[in-house]
Amino acid sequence: MKSPQVRAPEFPDALDWINTGGKPLRIVDLRGKLVLLDFW
């Protein structure tokens, strides 16, 4: 049985990014890469 595909929403424009050099991230830039989410 094939799992349904779930698309991640784009990040909101007003986020403060840490350790990205001030450059905002986009979901399309992360496609095919391993992503670790740290919720605290």
N, C-alpha and C. Protein backbone atom coordinates (compact mmCIF):
# COMPACT_ATOMS: atom_id res chain seq x y z
N MET A 1 0.84 -1.18 0.00
CA MET A 1 0.00 0.00 0.00
C MET A 1 0.89 1.25 0.00
N LYS A 2 0.65 2.13 -0.92
CA LYS A 2 1.45 3.35 -1.06
C LYS A 2 0.95 4.42 -0.09
N SER A 3 1.90 5.06 0.59
CA SER A 3 1.55 6.15 1.51
C SER A 3 1.20 7.40 0.72
N PRO A 4 0.23 8.19 1.20
CA PRO A 4 -0.10 9.43 0.51
C PRO A 4 1.03 10.45 0.68
N GLN A 5 1.25 11.25 -0.36
CA GLN A 5 2.27 12.29 -0.26
C GLN A 5 1.71 13.49 0.49
N VAL A 6 2.51 14.01 1.39
CA VAL A 6 2.13 15.19 2.15
C VAL A 6 3.14 16.28 1.82
N ARG A 7 2.67 17.40 1.35
CA ARG A 7 3.56 18.50 1.00
C ARG A 7 3.70 19.45 2.19
N ALA A 8 4.94 19.82 2.47
CA ALA A 8 5.20 20.75 3.56
C ALA A 8 4.85 22.16 3.10
N PRO A 9 4.24 22.94 3.98
CA PRO A 9 3.94 24.33 3.61
C PRO A 9 5.22 25.16 3.57
N GLU A 10 5.20 26.25 2.83
CA GLU A 10 6.36 27.14 2.76
C GLU A 10 6.51 27.83 4.11
N PHE A 11 7.74 28.20 4.47
CA PHE A 11 8.00 28.90 5.72
C PHE A 11 7.38 30.31 5.67
N PRO A 12 6.85 30.80 6.80
CA PRO A 12 6.33 32.18 6.83
C PRO A 12 7.44 33.20 6.57
N ASP A 13 7.09 34.32 5.98
CA ASP A 13 8.08 35.36 5.64
C ASP A 13 8.71 36.03 6.85
N ALA A 14 8.02 36.10 7.96
CA ALA A 14 8.48 36.89 9.11
C ALA A 14 9.32 36.10 10.11
N LEU A 15 9.88 34.96 9.73
CA LEU A 15 10.68 34.18 10.67
C LEU A 15 12.06 34.79 10.85
N ASP A 16 12.62 34.64 12.06
CA ASP A 16 14.00 35.04 12.34
C ASP A 16 14.86 33.80 12.18
N TRP A 17 15.81 33.84 11.25
CA TRP A 17 16.64 32.67 10.98
C TRP A 17 17.94 32.75 11.74
N ILE A 18 18.33 31.63 12.36
CA ILE A 18 19.58 31.54 13.12
C ILE A 18 20.53 30.62 12.35
N ASN A 19 21.79 30.97 12.30
CA ASN A 19 22.84 30.16 11.65
C ASN A 19 22.63 30.00 10.15
N THR A 20 21.99 30.95 9.49
CA THR A 20 21.86 30.91 8.04
C THR A 20 22.49 32.14 7.41
N GLY A 21 23.19 32.93 8.20
CA GLY A 21 23.78 34.16 7.68
C GLY A 21 22.75 35.20 7.34
N GLY A 22 21.55 35.09 7.94
CA GLY A 22 20.47 36.02 7.69
C GLY A 22 19.67 35.70 6.45
N LYS A 23 20.10 34.69 5.70
CA LYS A 23 19.39 34.29 4.48
C LYS A 23 18.22 33.37 4.85
N PRO A 24 17.02 33.73 4.46
CA PRO A 24 15.88 32.87 4.76
C PRO A 24 15.94 31.56 3.98
N LEU A 25 15.43 30.50 4.57
CA LEU A 25 15.37 29.21 3.90
C LEU A 25 14.04 29.05 3.19
N ARG A 26 14.06 28.28 2.12
CA ARG A 26 12.84 27.96 1.40
C ARG A 26 12.74 26.43 1.29
N ILE A 27 11.53 25.93 1.30
CA ILE A 27 11.31 24.49 1.21
C ILE A 27 11.95 23.92 -0.06
N VAL A 28 11.83 24.62 -1.16
CA VAL A 28 12.36 24.13 -2.43
C VAL A 28 13.89 23.97 -2.36
N ASP A 29 14.57 24.79 -1.57
CA ASP A 29 16.02 24.69 -1.42
C ASP A 29 16.42 23.46 -0.62
N LEU A 30 15.51 22.91 0.17
CA LEU A 30 15.80 21.76 1.03
C LEU A 30 15.42 20.43 0.39
N ARG A 31 14.78 20.46 -0.75
CA ARG A 31 14.33 19.22 -1.40
C ARG A 31 15.52 18.30 -1.68
N GLY A 32 15.38 17.04 -1.27
CA GLY A 32 16.42 16.05 -1.49
C GLY A 32 17.52 16.06 -0.46
N LYS A 33 17.42 16.93 0.55
CA LYS A 33 18.44 17.02 1.59
C LYS A 33 17.87 16.50 2.91
N LEU A 34 18.74 15.99 3.75
CA LEU A 34 18.36 15.55 5.08
C LEU A 34 18.14 16.80 5.94
N VAL A 35 17.01 16.89 6.60
CA VAL A 35 16.66 18.05 7.42
C VAL A 35 16.35 17.59 8.83
N LEU A 36 16.99 18.18 9.82
CA LEU A 36 16.75 17.87 11.22
C LEU A 36 15.99 19.05 11.83
N LEU A 37 14.82 18.77 12.39
CA LEU A 37 14.04 19.81 13.06
C LEU A 37 14.21 19.65 14.56
N ASP A 38 14.58 20.71 15.23
CA ASP A 38 14.79 20.70 16.68
C ASP A 38 13.76 21.61 17.32
N PHE A 39 12.76 21.00 17.96
CA PHE A 39 11.72 21.76 18.65
C PHE A 39 12.05 21.82 20.13
N TRP A 40 12.06 22.99 20.69
CA TRP A 40 12.33 23.11 22.11
C TRP A 40 11.44 24.14 22.74
